Amino acid sequence: MRRAPLTTVKNRFGFPDLGIGVGLRTVHYGHVLAENPAVDWFEIISENYMESGGRPRSVLERVAARYPVVMHGVSLSIGSTDPLDRAYLGRLRDLAERCRARWVSDHLCWTGVAGENLHDLMPLPRTEESLRHVVARVKEVQDFLGRPLVLENPSSYMGFRGDTVPEAEFLARVAEKADCGLLLDVNNVFVSARNHGFDPVAYIETLPADRIVQFHLAGHEDHGTHILDTHDSTVVDGVWELYRLAWRHTGGRSTLLEWDGRIPDFPTVHAEALKARAYQRSGGVPVA
């Protein structure tokens, strides 16, 4: 893998580099509340707290009082042809205010149509028409929330015959035209590059560094002919190397480890996340 030149580009929204975080998961509630682990920040799945009260809401309030919190959604369905769900957006905005979310993110995908939620991150057709559609919806969401929206590149397993815009270019153009942020999921780049046969280095270098506000890292399952984005294991060397490149491309951003299946104890998850420090240092940016 070629070594990208070091750049130090602040994100255009002024979001801080929060350090190295992990996802807040139910199985770790007890440990987090009892031990106050030395984690830099937590990311929550927005929908897990938008509809629920009781213990989840109580835990979130206690965590948000101690740590920075970022919200990450899976049901915004920004690419759908259904009208935007204003009730959903209202709950999203209220949650962001309650937990003092540093920013709110979701995926560049669609998750439902005709009022039905597929509970999956479905790929968009990458055409000029689709691009215009998504840009308009992102602007509408940002106006409603009163804050920038941060969009993640999802992993994918299929494309459309009518695709005319490469994925990285599509993502970059959406960000520029809608004036939104980007969550660069490095594992998803690795997964999709293998599944579709594109160059992951060129993909990362295509994205505007000043739009990137956060990185995701995760594990996956390699089935030889394809890779599945499973979030149920440690990060592989190839993903770490892409992370090193991404770190150099931006000069550093908040980094989050996702672990959502076969979840081990919190110290194990946190230790995996902290491996990022070595790649940050070797990426050429001083790290305290």
C-alpha atoms as a PDB file:
ATOM      1  CA  MET A   1       0.000   0.000   0.000  1.00  0.00           C
ATOM      2  CA  ARG A   2       1.443   3.374  -0.980  1.00  0.00           C
ATOM      3  CA  ARG A   3       2.102   5.908   1.728  1.00  0.00           C
ATOM      4  CA  ALA A   4      -0.075   8.980   1.402  1.00  0.00           C
ATOM      5  CA  PRO A   5       1.418  12.400   2.129  1.00  0.00           C
ATOM      6  CA  LEU A   6       0.614  13.691   5.591  1.00  0.00           C
ATOM      7  CA  THR A   7      -2.076  16.331   5.724  1.00  0.00           C
ATOM      8  CA  THR A   8      -3.577  18.149   8.673  1.00  0.00           C
ATOM      9  CA  VAL A   9      -7.024  19.321   7.664  1.00  0.00           C
ATOM     10  CA  LYS A  10      -9.551  20.428  10.263  1.00  0.00           C
ATOM     11  CA  ASN A  11     -13.120  19.370   9.600  1.00  0.00           C
ATOM     12  CA  ARG A  12     -15.182  22.293   8.354  1.00  0.00           C
ATOM     13  CA  PHE A  13     -17.764  21.961  11.141  1.00  0.00           C
ATOM     14  CA  GLY A  14     -15.396  22.512  14.045  1.00  0.00           C
ATOM     15  CA  PHE A  15     -16.201  19.138  15.599  1.00  0.00           C
ATOM     16  CA  PRO A  16     -13.470  18.113  18.059  1.00  0.00           C
ATOM     17  CA  ASP A  17     -11.281  15.033  17.856  1.00  0.00           C
ATOM     18  CA  LEU A  18     -12.795  13.108  20.765  1.00  0.00           C
ATOM     19  CA  GLY A  19     -10.071  10.450  20.783  1.00  0.00           C
ATOM     20  CA  ILE A  20     -10.787   6.712  20.741  1.00  0.00           C
ATOM     21  CA  GLY A  21     -14.274   5.504  21.643  1.00  0.00           C
ATOM     22  CA  VAL A  22     -16.443   2.404  21.669  1.00  0.00           C
ATOM     23  CA  GLY A  23     -20.103   1.704  21.115  1.00  0.00           C
ATOM     24  CA  LEU A  24     -22.301   1.703  24.218  1.00  0.00           C
ATOM     25  CA  ARG A  25     -23.882  -1.758  24.334  1.00  0.00           C
ATOM     26  CA  THR A  26     -26.374  -3.246  26.794  1.00  0.00           C
ATOM     27  CA  VAL A  27     -24.035  -6.047  27.930  1.00  0.00           C
ATOM     28  CA  HIS A  28     -21.546  -3.429  29.136  1.00  0.00           C
ATOM     29  CA  TYR A  29     -23.947  -1.195  31.062  1.00  0.00           C
ATOM     30  CA  GLY A  30     -22.992  -2.626  34.439  1.00  0.00           C
ATOM     31  CA  HIS A  31     -19.258  -2.356  33.849  1.00  0.00           C
ATOM     32  CA  VAL A  32     -19.425   1.180  32.502  1.00  0.00           C
ATOM     33  CA  LEU A  33     -21.529   2.480  35.376  1.00  0.00           C
ATOM     34  CA  ALA A  34     -19.570   0.686  38.081  1.00  0.00           C
ATOM     35  CA  GLU A  35     -16.020   1.106  36.806  1.00  0.00           C
ATOM     36  CA  ASN A  36     -16.054   4.449  34.960  1.00  0.00           C
ATOM     37  CA  PRO A  37     -13.560   3.080  32.405  1.00  0.00           C
ATOM     38  CA  ALA A  38     -10.980   5.410  30.887  1.00  0.00           C
ATOM     39  CA  VAL A  39     -12.643   5.454  27.464  1.00  0.00           C
ATOM     40  CA  ASP A  40     -12.610   8.772  25.621  1.00  0.00           C
ATOM     41  CA  TRP A  41     -16.206   8.743  24.370  1.00  0.00           C
ATOM     42  CA  PHE A  42     -19.214   6.575  23.526  1.00  0.00           C
ATOM     43  CA  GLU A  43     -21.339   6.186  20.429  1.00  0.00           C
ATOM     44  CA  ILE A  44     -24.963   5.089  20.774  1.00  0.00           C
ATOM     45  CA  ILE A  45     -27.339   3.555  18.245  1.00  0.00           C
ATOM     46  CA  SER A  46     -29.928   6.334  18.109  1.00  0.00           C
ATOM     47  CA  GLU A  47     -32.989   4.122  17.683  1.00  0.00           C
ATOM     48  CA  ASN A  48     -32.158   2.141  20.834  1.00  0.00           C
ATOM     49  CA  TYR A  49     -32.861   5.243  22.928  1.00  0.00           C
ATOM     50  CA  MET A  50     -35.414   7.189  20.906  1.00  0.00           C
ATOM     51  CA  GLU A  51     -38.309   4.917  21.790  1.00  0.00           C
ATOM     52  CA  SER A  52     -37.225   3.467  25.099  1.00  0.00           C
ATOM     53  CA  GLY A  53     -37.423   4.799  28.625  1.00  0.00           C
ATOM     54  CA  GLY A  54     -36.589   2.984  31.807  1.00  0.00           C
ATOM     55  CA  ARG A  55     -33.106   1.564  32.228  1.00  0.00           C
ATOM     56  CA  PRO A  56     -31.692   2.402  28.761  1.00  0.00           C
ATOM     57  CA  ARG A  57     -32.639   6.052  29.117  1.00  0.00           C
ATOM     58  CA  SER A  58     -31.366   6.166  32.703  1.00  0.00           C
ATOM     59  CA  VAL A  59     -28.044   4.599  31.698  1.00  0.00           C
ATOM     60  CA  LEU A  60     -27.638   7.008  28.805  1.00  0.00           C
ATOM     61  CA  GLU A  61     -28.260   9.999  31.047  1.00  0.00           C
ATOM     62  CA  ARG A  62     -25.587   8.803  33.474  1.00  0.00           C
ATOM     63  CA  VAL A  63     -23.110   8.049  30.702  1.00  0.00           C
ATOM     64  CA  ALA A  64     -23.730  11.399  28.995  1.00  0.00           C
ATOM     65  CA  ALA A  65     -23.012  13.167  32.273  1.00  0.00           C
ATOM     66  CA  ARG A  66     -19.520  11.609  32.327  1.00  0.00           C
ATOM     67  CA  TYR A  67     -18.486  11.131  28.708  1.00  0.00           C
ATOM     68  CA  PRO A  68     -18.954  12.767  25.301  1.00  0.00           C
ATOM     69  CA  VAL A  69     -21.702  10.987  23.339  1.00  0.00           C
ATOM     70  CA  VAL A  70     -22.202  10.709  19.581  1.00  0.00           C
ATOM     71  CA  MET A  71     -25.429   9.430  17.998  1.00  0.00           C
ATOM     72  CA  HIS A  72     -25.363   6.922  15.146  1.00  0.00           C
ATOM     73  CA  GLY A  73     -28.616   5.974  13.425  1.00  0.00           C
ATOM     74  CA  VAL A  74     -29.719   3.066  11.253  1.00  0.00           C
ATOM     75  CA  SER A  75     -33.252   4.077  10.185  1.00  0.00           C
ATOM     76  CA  LEU A  76     -33.108   7.601   8.752  1.00  0.00           C
ATOM     77  CA  SER A  77     -33.440   6.076   5.257  1.00  0.00           C
ATOM     78  CA  ILE A  78     -32.009   9.158   3.608  1.00  0.00           C
ATOM     79  CA  GLY A  79     -32.094   7.541   0.155  1.00  0.00           C
ATOM     80  CA  SER A  80     -35.683   6.298   0.237  1.00  0.00           C
ATOM     81  CA  THR A  81     -38.409   7.667  -2.017  1.00  0.00           C
ATOM     82  CA  ASP A  82     -40.811   7.726   0.950  1.00  0.00           C
ATOM     83  CA  PRO A  83     -41.363  11.169   2.483  1.00  0.00           C
ATOM     84  CA  LEU A  84     -39.054  11.955   5.372  1.00  0.00           C
ATOM     85  CA  ASP A  85     -40.569  10.831   8.667  1.00  0.00           C
ATOM     86  CA  ARG A  86     -41.033  14.056  10.619  1.00  0.00           C
ATOM     87  CA  ALA A  87     -42.069  12.238  13.787  1.00  0.00           C
ATOM     88  CA  TYR A  88     -38.844  10.205  13.632  1.00  0.00           C
ATOM     89  CA  LEU A  89     -36.809  13.354  13.062  1.00  0.00           C
ATOM     90  CA  GLY A  90     -38.494  15.020  16.016  1.00  0.00           C
ATOM     91  CA  ARG A  91     -37.533  12.147  18.312  1.00  0.00           C
ATOM     92  CA  LEU A  92     -34.010  12.194  16.895  1.00  0.00           C
ATOM     93  CA  ARG A  93     -33.654  15.905  17.593  1.00  0.00           C
ATOM     94  CA  ASP A  94     -35.029  15.543  21.113  1.00  0.00           C
ATOM     95  CA  LEU A  95     -32.602  12.725  21.913  1.00  0.00           C
ATOM     96  CA  ALA A  96     -29.660  14.726  20.589  1.00  0.00           C
ATOM     97  CA  GLU A  97     -30.580  17.573  22.913  1.00  0.00           C
ATOM     98  CA  ARG A  98     -31.071  15.304  25.938  1.00  0.00           C
ATOM     99  CA  CYS A  99     -27.735  13.514  25.617  1.00  0.00           C
ATOM    100  CA  ARG A 100     -25.874  16.597  24.355  1.00  0.00           C
ATOM    101  CA  ALA A 101     -24.752  14.665  21.276  1.00  0.00           C
ATOM    102  CA  ARG A 102     -21.564  16.023  19.734  1.00  0.00           C
ATOM    103  CA  TRP A 103     -22.961  15.107  16.306  1.00  0.00           C
ATOM    104  CA  VAL A 104     -25.599  12.910  14.673  1.00  0.00           C
ATOM    105  CA  SER A 105     -24.772  10.365  11.964  1.00  0.00           C
ATOM    106  CA  ASP A 106     -26.533   7.801   9.802  1.00  0.00           C
ATOM    107  CA  HIS A 107     -25.854   5.863   6.593  1.00  0.00           C
ATOM    108  CA  LEU A 108     -25.930   6.822   2.922  1.00  0.00           C
ATOM    109  CA  CYS A 109     -28.522   4.190   2.061  1.00  0.00           C
ATOM    110  CA  TRP A 110     -32.233   3.444   2.232  1.00  0.00           C
ATOM    111  CA  THR A 111     -33.816   1.216   4.854  1.00  0.00           C
ATOM    112  CA  GLY A 112     -37.461   1.085   3.819  1.00  0.00           C
ATOM    113  CA  VAL A 113     -40.093   1.890   1.235  1.00  0.00           C
ATOM    114  CA  ALA A 114     -43.888   2.157   1.140  1.00  0.00           C
ATOM    115  CA  GLY A 115     -43.873   2.591   4.904  1.00  0.00           C
ATOM    116  CA  GLU A 116     -42.065  -0.689   5.575  1.00  0.00           C
ATOM    117  CA  ASN A 117     -38.710  -0.831   7.414  1.00  0.00           C
ATOM    118  CA  LEU A 118     -36.449  -3.548   5.988  1.00  0.00           C
ATOM    119  CA  HIS A 119     -34.047  -3.289   8.960  1.00  0.00           C
ATOM    120  CA  ASP A 120     -31.083  -3.368   6.618  1.00  0.00           C
ATOM    121  CA  LEU A 121     -28.818  -0.830   4.929  1.00  0.00           C
ATOM    122  CA  MET A 122     -29.744  -1.077   1.256  1.00  0.00           C
ATOM    123  CA  PRO A 123     -27.466   0.336  -1.472  1.00  0.00           C
ATOM    124  CA  LEU A 124     -28.470   3.325  -3.563  1.00  0.00           C
ATOM    125  CA  PRO A 125     -28.369   3.476  -7.339  1.00  0.00           C
ATOM    126  CA  ARG A 126     -25.458   5.835  -7.992  1.00  0.00           C
ATOM    127  CA  THR A 127     -26.885   8.104 -10.681  1.00  0.00           C
ATOM    128  CA  GLU A 128     -27.189  11.858 -11.128  1.00  0.00           C
ATOM    129  CA  GLU A 129     -30.902  11.654 -10.351  1.00  0.00           C
ATOM    130  CA  SER A 130     -30.264   9.719  -7.143  1.00  0.00           C
ATOM    131  CA  LEU A 131     -27.571  12.183  -6.139  1.00  0.00           C
ATOM    132  CA  ARG A 132     -29.911  15.148  -6.523  1.00  0.00           C
ATOM    133  CA  HIS A 133     -32.604  13.299  -4.552  1.00  0.00           C
ATOM    134  CA  VAL A 134     -30.286  12.534  -1.639  1.00  0.00           C
ATOM    135  CA  VAL A 135     -28.793  16.026  -1.526  1.00  0.00           C
ATOM    136  CA  ALA A 136     -32.234  17.596  -1.255  1.00  0.00           C
ATOM    137  CA  ARG A 137     -33.230  15.237   1.569  1.00  0.00           C
ATOM    138  CA  VAL A 138     -29.989  15.799   3.490  1.00  0.00           C
ATOM    139  CA  LYS A 139     -30.550  19.553   3.347  1.00  0.00           C
ATOM    140  CA  GLU A 140     -34.096  19.083   4.627  1.00  0.00           C
ATOM    141  CA  VAL A 141     -32.928  16.895   7.505  1.00  0.00           C
ATOM    142  CA  GLN A 142     -30.211  19.367   8.479  1.00  0.00           C
ATOM    143  CA  ASP A 143     -32.684  22.235   8.473  1.00  0.00           C
ATOM    144  CA  PHE A 144     -35.012  20.233  10.713  1.00  0.00           C
ATOM    145  CA  LEU A 145     -32.300  19.119  13.156  1.00  0.00           C
ATOM    146  CA  GLY A 146     -30.570  22.495  13.200  1.00  0.00           C
ATOM    147  CA  ARG A 147     -27.184  20.818  12.878  1.00  0.00           C
ATOM    148  CA  PRO A 148     -25.015  19.114  10.241  1.00  0.00           C
ATOM    149  CA  LEU A 149     -25.812  15.511   9.385  1.00  0.00           C
ATOM    150  CA  VAL A 150     -22.879  13.090   9.172  1.00  0.00           C
ATOM    151  CA  LEU A 151     -23.220  10.300   6.589  1.00  0.00           C
ATOM    152  CA  GLU A 152     -21.422   6.942   6.658  1.00  0.00           C
ATOM    153  CA  ASN A 153     -20.383   4.829   3.694  1.00  0.00           C
ATOM    154  CA  PRO A 154     -22.143   1.472   4.245  1.00  0.00           C
ATOM    155  CA  SER A 155     -20.702  -1.870   3.179  1.00  0.00           C
ATOM    156  CA  SER A 156     -22.367  -3.326   0.097  1.00  0.00           C
ATOM    157  CA  TYR A 157     -22.717  -6.632  -1.706  1.00  0.00           C
ATOM    158  CA  MET A 158     -24.330  -5.637  -4.983  1.00  0.00           C
ATOM    159  CA  GLY A 159     -24.554  -2.726  -7.392  1.00  0.00           C
ATOM    160  CA  PHE A 160     -26.946  -1.580 -10.097  1.00  0.00           C
ATOM    161  CA  ARG A 161     -26.445  -1.923 -13.829  1.00  0.00           C
ATOM    162  CA  GLY A 162     -27.432   1.722 -14.192  1.00  0.00           C
ATOM    163  CA  ASP A 163     -24.753   3.053 -11.819  1.00  0.00           C
ATOM    164  CA  THR A 164     -22.863   5.918 -13.446  1.00  0.00           C
ATOM    165  CA  VAL A 165     -20.954   7.470 -10.522  1.00  0.00           C
ATOM    166  CA  PRO A 166     -18.201   5.646  -8.580  1.00  0.00           C
ATOM    167  CA  GLU A 167     -19.076   5.224  -4.919  1.00  0.00           C
ATOM    168  CA  ALA A 168     -16.382   7.473  -3.449  1.00  0.00           C
ATOM    169  CA  GLU A 169     -17.187  10.237  -5.934  1.00  0.00           C
ATOM    170  CA  PHE A 170     -20.893   9.887  -5.165  1.00  0.00           C
ATOM    171  CA  LEU A 171     -20.242  10.200  -1.430  1.00  0.00           C
ATOM    172  CA  ALA A 172     -17.922  13.165  -1.908  1.00  0.00           C
ATOM    173  CA  ARG A 173     -20.381  15.008  -4.158  1.00  0.00           C
ATOM    174  CA  VAL A 174     -23.280  14.456  -1.753  1.00  0.00           C
ATOM    175  CA  ALA A 175     -21.171  15.885   1.075  1.00  0.00           C
ATOM    176  CA  GLU A 176     -20.115  18.938  -0.928  1.00  0.00           C
ATOM    177  CA  LYS A 177     -23.513  19.737  -2.449  1.00  0.00           C
ATOM    178  CA  ALA A 178     -25.491  19.146   0.762  1.00  0.00           C
ATOM    179  CA  ASP A 179     -22.785  20.660   3.005  1.00  0.00           C
ATOM    180  CA  CYS A 180     -22.855  17.661   5.336  1.00  0.00           C
ATOM    181  CA  GLY A 181     -20.191  15.658   7.149  1.00  0.00           C
ATOM    182  CA  LEU A 182     -18.783  12.210   6.483  1.00  0.00           C
ATOM    183  CA  LEU A 183     -18.232   9.232   8.761  1.00  0.00           C
ATOM    184  CA  LEU A 184     -15.539   7.170   7.059  1.00  0.00           C
ATOM    185  CA  ASP A 185     -16.055   3.523   7.972  1.00  0.00           C
ATOM    186  CA  VAL A 186     -12.660   2.060   7.121  1.00  0.00           C
ATOM    187  CA  ASN A 187     -13.833  -1.524   7.506  1.00  0.00           C
ATOM    188  CA  ASN A 188     -16.697  -0.879   5.089  1.00  0.00           C
ATOM    189  CA  VAL A 189     -14.251   0.456   2.508  1.00  0.00           C
ATOM    190  CA  PHE A 190     -12.191  -2.725   2.872  1.00  0.00           C
ATOM    191  CA  VAL A 191     -15.283  -4.952   2.640  1.00  0.00           C
ATOM    192  CA  SER A 192     -16.827  -3.205  -0.355  1.00  0.00           C
ATOM    193  CA  ALA A 193     -13.486  -2.957  -2.175  1.00  0.00           C
ATOM    194  CA  ARG A 194     -13.071  -6.719  -1.990  1.00  0.00           C
ATOM    195  CA  ASN A 195     -16.689  -7.388  -2.918  1.00  0.00           C
ATOM    196  CA  HIS A 196     -16.692  -5.032  -5.910  1.00  0.00           C
ATOM    197  CA  GLY A 197     -13.048  -4.980  -6.949  1.00  0.00           C
ATOM    198  CA  PHE A 198     -12.226  -1.289  -6.542  1.00  0.00           C
ATOM    199  CA  ASP A 199      -9.071   0.328  -5.112  1.00  0.00           C
ATOM    200  CA  PRO A 200      -9.635   1.149  -1.406  1.00  0.00           C
ATOM    201  CA  VAL A 201      -6.699   3.563  -1.302  1.00  0.00           C
ATOM    202  CA  ALA A 202      -8.047   5.616  -4.197  1.00  0.00           C
ATOM    203  CA  TYR A 203     -11.484   5.537  -2.526  1.00  0.00           C
ATOM    204  CA  ILE A 204     -10.182   7.131   0.675  1.00  0.00           C
ATOM    205  CA  GLU A 205      -8.069   9.674  -1.175  1.00  0.00           C
ATOM    206  CA  THR A 206     -11.129  10.737  -3.208  1.00  0.00           C
ATOM    207  CA  LEU A 207     -13.051  11.831  -0.107  1.00  0.00           C
ATOM    208  CA  PRO A 208     -12.695  15.491   0.942  1.00  0.00           C
ATOM    209  CA  ALA A 209     -10.686  15.452   4.157  1.00  0.00           C
ATOM    210  CA  ASP A 210     -12.384  18.537   5.566  1.00  0.00           C
ATOM    211  CA  ARG A 211     -15.763  16.756   5.440  1.00  0.00           C
ATOM    212  CA  ILE A 212     -14.613  13.707   7.431  1.00  0.00           C
ATOM    213  CA  VAL A 213     -15.438  14.031  11.133  1.00  0.00           C
ATOM    214  CA  GLN A 214     -15.183  10.420  12.368  1.00  0.00           C
ATOM    215  CA  PHE A 215     -13.782   6.968  11.614  1.00  0.00           C
ATOM    216  CA  HIS A 216     -15.328   3.552  12.240  1.00  0.00           C
ATOM    217  CA  LEU A 217     -13.337   0.348  12.695  1.00  0.00           C
ATOM    218  CA  ALA A 218     -14.771  -3.158  12.991  1.00  0.00           C
ATOM    219  CA  GLY A 219     -14.252  -6.834  12.285  1.00  0.00           C
ATOM    220  CA  HIS A 220     -15.729  -8.864   9.435  1.00  0.00           C
ATOM    221  CA  GLU A 221     -16.049 -12.398   8.070  1.00  0.00           C
ATOM    222  CA  ASP A 222     -13.999 -13.317   5.002  1.00  0.00           C
ATOM    223  CA  HIS A 223     -15.688 -16.050   2.968  1.00  0.00           C
ATOM    224  CA  GLY A 224     -13.127 -16.036   0.188  1.00  0.00           C
ATOM    225  CA  THR A 225     -15.452 -15.003  -2.615  1.00  0.00           C
ATOM    226  CA  HIS A 226     -16.907 -12.170  -0.549  1.00  0.00           C
ATOM    227  CA  ILE A 227     -16.715 -10.449   2.834  1.00  0.00           C
ATOM    228  CA  LEU A 228     -19.549  -9.879   5.292  1.00  0.00           C
ATOM    229  CA  ASP A 229     -19.548  -6.842   7.566  1.00  0.00           C
ATOM    230  CA  THR A 230     -20.360  -8.579  10.855  1.00  0.00           C
ATOM    231  CA  HIS A 231     -18.818  -6.455  13.639  1.00  0.00           C
ATOM    232  CA  ASP A 232     -18.192  -9.626  15.634  1.00  0.00           C
ATOM    233  CA  SER A 233     -14.402  -9.950  15.799  1.00  0.00           C
ATOM    234  CA  THR A 234     -11.118  -8.074  15.930  1.00  0.00           C
ATOM    235  CA  VAL A 235      -9.960  -5.684  13.205  1.00  0.00           C
ATOM    236  CA  VAL A 236      -7.809  -7.333  10.512  1.00  0.00           C
ATOM    237  CA  ASP A 237      -4.408  -6.035   9.442  1.00  0.00           C
ATOM    238  CA  GLY A 238      -5.672  -4.790   6.073  1.00  0.00           C
ATOM    239  CA  VAL A 239      -8.253  -2.568   7.749  1.00  0.00           C
ATOM    240  CA  TRP A 240      -5.649  -1.222  10.168  1.00  0.00           C
ATOM    241  CA  GLU A 241      -3.424  -0.308   7.228  1.00  0.00           C
ATOM    242  CA  LEU A 242      -6.289   1.565   5.555  1.00  0.00           C
ATOM    243  CA  TYR A 243      -6.897   3.337   8.862  1.00  0.00           C
ATOM    244  CA  ARG A 244      -3.272   4.474   8.872  1.00  0.00           C
ATOM    245  CA  LEU A 245      -3.843   5.923   5.404  1.00  0.00           C
ATOM    246  CA  ALA A 246      -7.100   7.597   6.466  1.00  0.00           C
ATOM    247  CA  TRP A 247      -5.378   9.106   9.487  1.00  0.00           C
ATOM    248  CA  ARG A 248      -2.730  10.629   7.248  1.00  0.00           C
ATOM    249  CA  HIS A 249      -5.363  11.822   4.776  1.00  0.00           C
ATOM    250  CA  THR A 250      -7.129  13.869   7.446  1.00  0.00           C
ATOM    251  CA  GLY A 251      -4.526  14.537  10.099  1.00  0.00           C
ATOM    252  CA  GLY A 252      -6.657  12.605  12.587  1.00  0.00           C
ATOM    253  CA  ARG A 253     -10.309  12.227  13.541  1.00  0.00           C
ATOM    254  CA  SER A 254     -12.426  10.736  16.338  1.00  0.00           C
ATOM    255  CA  THR A 255     -12.162   6.956  16.063  1.00  0.00           C
ATOM    256  CA  LEU A 256     -14.796   4.421  17.111  1.00  0.00           C
ATOM    257  CA  LEU A 257     -14.585   0.631  17.366  1.00  0.00           C
ATOM    258  CA  GLU A 258     -17.839  -1.197  16.600  1.00  0.00           C
ATOM    259  CA  TRP A 259     -18.371  -4.671  18.116  1.00  0.00           C
ATOM    260  CA  ASP A 260     -21.979  -5.853  17.857  1.00  0.00           C
ATOM    261  CA  GLY A 261     -21.931  -9.653  17.683  1.00  0.00           C
ATOM    262  CA  ARG A 262     -20.312 -12.191  20.013  1.00  0.00           C
ATOM    263  CA  ILE A 263     -19.449  -9.219  22.202  1.00  0.00           C
ATOM    264  CA  PRO A 264     -16.658  -9.902  24.708  1.00  0.00           C
ATOM    265  CA  ASP A 265     -16.166  -8.095  28.007  1.00  0.00           C
ATOM    266  CA  PHE A 266     -15.629  -4.353  27.975  1.00  0.00           C
ATOM    267  CA  PRO A 267     -11.854  -4.412  28.665  1.00  0.00           C
ATOM    268  CA  THR A 268     -11.367  -6.654  25.606  1.00  0.00           C
ATOM    269  CA  VAL A 269     -13.374  -4.320  23.366  1.00  0.00           C
ATOM    270  CA  HIS A 270     -11.593  -1.262  24.708  1.00  0.00           C
ATOM    271  CA  ALA A 271      -8.166  -2.870  24.251  1.00  0.00           C
ATOM    272  CA  GLU A 272      -8.993  -3.569  20.602  1.00  0.00           C
ATOM    273  CA  ALA A 273     -10.010   0.050  20.106  1.00  0.00           C
ATOM    274  CA  LEU A 274      -6.801   1.299  21.705  1.00  0.00           C
ATOM    275  CA  LYS A 275      -4.730  -0.500  19.066  1.00  0.00           C
ATOM    276  CA  ALA A 276      -5.579   2.511  16.907  1.00  0.00           C
ATOM    277  CA  ARG A 277      -2.955   4.534  18.779  1.00  0.00           C
ATOM    278  CA  ALA A 278      -0.093   2.628  17.179  1.00  0.00           C
ATOM    279  CA  TYR A 279      -1.440   3.325  13.690  1.00  0.00           C
ATOM    280  CA  GLN A 280      -2.029   6.961  14.519  1.00  0.00           C
ATOM    281  CA  ARG A 281       1.599   7.367  15.616  1.00  0.00           C
ATOM    282  CA  SER A 282       2.962   5.536  12.583  1.00  0.00           C
ATOM    283  CA  GLY A 283       0.668   7.598  10.391  1.00  0.00           C
ATOM    284  CA  GLY A 284       2.877  10.581  11.088  1.00  0.00           C
ATOM    285  CA  VAL A 285       0.727  12.643  13.464  1.00  0.00           C
ATOM    286  CA  PRO A 286       2.007  13.119  17.031  1.00  0.00           C
ATOM    287  CA  VAL A 287      -0.309  11.486  19.563  1.00  0.00           C
ATOM    288  CA  ALA A 288      -0.192  12.305  23.259  1.00  0.00           C
END
